[in-house]
Amino acid sequence: MASVSRAAKALDDGVLWVGGTSGLALTFFEEELGPLPGERWVCAGVDSSAPAWLAGHASFVRVDLTSAESVASLFSRLPHAVGTLIFGARLPLVGDDAHATLLLHLGTLLTAAADAGVHRVLHISSVAAADHLRAQVG
């Protein structure tokens, strides 16, 4: 139980979930774990406003991963500092140009995170966690 307490304490310095308006985030916040007491969460997504289900769970900041300006300014627009970055944004299945742009901006995001004092980075994949791609494609 002590390791759970240490893990929970590590998130007290704030968490930013980029791609945090996805179905995976919805499952996390509503059905599975959700934030523990004392944790401060910010979800960032391309949506123009926070999805209704996010209310009461986390703050919301808009980010467009195809825009250098949006990515570079993300940490200055957060309501509080964060020590953990969760990246769970799915790259679109639209071709090489979009992937190249997103990968370039992912580098910008990681540099900005380091500059902002982020100590932990976690990449998550809903496909790896739930294997829903087969059902979507099938």
Protein backbone atom coordinates (compact mmCIF):
# COMPACT_ATOMS: atom_id res chain seq x y z
CA MET A 1 0.00 0.00 0.00
CA ALA A 2 2.94 2.34 0.62
CA SER A 3 3.89 2.21 -3.08
CA VAL A 4 0.38 3.35 -4.03
CA SER A 5 0.70 6.29 -1.64
CA ARG A 6 4.08 7.23 -3.12
CA ALA A 7 2.69 6.95 -6.65
CA ALA A 8 -0.33 9.08 -5.74
CA LYS A 9 1.91 11.64 -4.01
CA ALA A 10 4.06 11.88 -7.16
CA LEU A 11 1.03 13.17 -9.08
CA ASP A 12 0.30 15.94 -6.57
CA ASP A 13 2.52 18.27 -8.60
CA GLY A 14 -0.01 18.25 -11.45
CA VAL A 15 -0.77 16.13 -14.49
CA LEU A 16 -1.32 17.23 -18.08
CA TRP A 17 -3.02 14.68 -20.34
CA VAL A 18 -2.59 15.66 -24.00
CA GLY A 19 -5.30 13.83 -25.88
CA GLY A 20 -7.26 13.80 -22.66
CA THR A 21 -10.66 14.21 -24.29
CA SER A 22 -10.53 10.78 -25.91
CA GLY A 23 -12.61 7.73 -25.14
CA LEU A 24 -9.70 6.37 -23.12
CA ALA A 25 -9.74 9.49 -20.93
CA LEU A 26 -13.50 9.21 -20.52
CA THR A 27 -13.08 5.65 -19.29
CA PHE A 28 -10.31 6.71 -16.90
CA PHE A 29 -12.19 9.62 -15.38
CA GLU A 30 -15.71 8.19 -15.26
CA GLU A 31 -15.44 4.44 -15.04
CA GLU A 32 -12.05 3.43 -13.71
CA LEU A 33 -9.76 5.45 -11.47
CA GLY A 34 -10.25 9.13 -11.85
CA PRO A 35 -8.06 11.58 -10.00
CA LEU A 36 -7.17 10.81 -6.43
CA PRO A 37 -7.66 13.46 -3.72
CA GLY A 38 -5.04 16.18 -4.03
CA GLU A 39 -4.22 15.52 -7.68
CA ARG A 40 -4.51 18.41 -10.08
CA TRP A 41 -5.31 17.40 -13.66
CA VAL A 42 -5.47 19.33 -16.91
CA CYS A 43 -6.72 17.70 -20.08
CA ALA A 44 -5.71 19.16 -23.42
CA GLY A 45 -7.42 18.36 -26.68
CA VAL A 46 -8.36 19.77 -30.03
CA ASP A 47 -11.98 20.31 -28.97
CA SER A 48 -13.14 23.94 -28.85
CA SER A 49 -14.35 23.43 -25.29
CA ALA A 50 -14.21 20.76 -22.61
CA PRO A 51 -16.51 17.78 -23.10
CA ALA A 52 -19.36 17.71 -20.59
CA TRP A 53 -18.10 14.53 -18.94
CA LEU A 54 -14.82 16.23 -17.97
CA ALA A 55 -16.54 18.68 -15.59
CA GLY A 56 -15.54 18.04 -12.00
CA HIS A 57 -12.60 15.87 -13.01
CA ALA A 58 -10.05 18.20 -14.61
CA SER A 59 -9.40 21.58 -16.16
CA PHE A 60 -9.36 21.86 -19.94
CA VAL A 61 -7.01 23.66 -22.33
CA ARG A 62 -7.33 23.56 -26.10
CA VAL A 63 -4.28 22.41 -28.07
CA ASP A 64 -3.89 21.80 -31.78
CA LEU A 65 -1.03 19.36 -32.31
CA THR A 66 -0.75 20.45 -35.95
CA SER A 67 0.00 24.05 -34.91
CA ALA A 68 3.51 24.97 -33.76
CA GLU A 69 2.15 28.04 -31.95
CA SER A 70 -0.53 26.10 -30.10
CA VAL A 71 1.94 23.45 -28.94
CA ALA A 72 4.69 25.93 -28.00
CA SER A 73 2.31 28.02 -25.87
CA LEU A 74 0.55 25.10 -24.16
CA PHE A 75 2.40 25.17 -20.83
CA SER A 76 2.00 28.93 -20.46
CA ARG A 77 -1.78 28.50 -20.82
CA LEU A 78 -2.18 25.86 -18.08
CA PRO A 79 -4.04 26.86 -14.89
CA HIS A 80 -1.22 25.41 -12.76
CA ALA A 81 2.20 23.83 -13.17
CA VAL A 82 2.46 20.13 -13.94
CA GLY A 83 5.16 17.58 -13.19
CA THR A 84 3.71 14.76 -15.29
CA LEU A 85 2.81 14.69 -18.97
CA ILE A 86 0.61 11.92 -20.31
CA PHE A 87 0.53 11.77 -24.09
CA GLY A 88 -2.41 9.78 -25.38
CA ALA A 89 -3.24 11.51 -28.65
CA ARG A 90 -3.85 9.19 -31.57
CA LEU A 91 -2.07 10.13 -34.73
CA PRO A 92 -4.58 10.42 -37.57
CA LEU A 93 -4.66 7.74 -40.19
CA VAL A 94 -4.41 10.22 -43.06
CA GLY A 95 -0.94 9.91 -44.52
CA ASP A 96 2.71 10.76 -44.19
CA ASP A 97 2.43 14.57 -44.22
CA ALA A 98 0.17 14.65 -41.17
CA HIS A 99 2.40 12.19 -39.32
CA ALA A 100 5.52 14.23 -40.11
CA THR A 101 3.85 17.43 -38.83
CA LEU A 102 2.60 15.77 -35.66
CA LEU A 103 5.96 14.16 -34.94
CA LEU A 104 7.70 17.51 -35.36
CA HIS A 105 5.26 19.11 -32.92
CA LEU A 106 5.60 16.19 -30.52
CA GLY A 107 9.27 17.15 -30.28
CA THR A 108 8.20 20.74 -29.57
CA LEU A 109 5.80 19.47 -26.89
CA LEU A 110 8.51 17.43 -25.17
CA THR A 111 10.97 20.34 -25.26
CA ALA A 112 8.33 22.69 -23.84
CA ALA A 113 7.51 20.11 -21.15
CA ALA A 114 11.16 19.88 -20.10
CA ASP A 115 11.44 23.67 -20.04
CA ALA A 116 8.29 23.85 -17.87
CA GLY A 117 9.73 21.45 -15.29
CA VAL A 118 7.92 18.24 -16.23
CA HIS A 119 9.70 15.31 -14.59
CA ARG A 120 7.67 12.38 -15.88
CA VAL A 121 6.34 11.51 -19.35
CA LEU A 122 4.03 8.62 -20.11
CA HIS A 123 2.82 7.61 -23.56
CA ILE A 124 -0.37 5.60 -23.50
CA SER A 125 -2.19 3.82 -26.27
CA SER A 126 -5.84 2.91 -26.10
CA VAL A 127 -5.22 0.30 -28.79
CA ALA A 128 -2.58 -1.35 -26.62
CA ALA A 129 -4.80 -1.12 -23.53
CA ALA A 130 -8.16 -2.12 -25.00
CA ASP A 131 -7.49 -3.52 -28.50
CA HIS A 132 -10.48 -1.60 -29.87
CA LEU A 133 -8.92 -1.02 -33.31
CA ARG A 134 -9.97 -4.45 -34.55
CA ALA A 135 -13.60 -3.68 -33.72
CA GLN A 136 -13.39 -0.25 -35.37
CA VAL A 137 -11.83 -1.59 -38.56
CA GLY A 138 -13.85 -4.81 -38.61
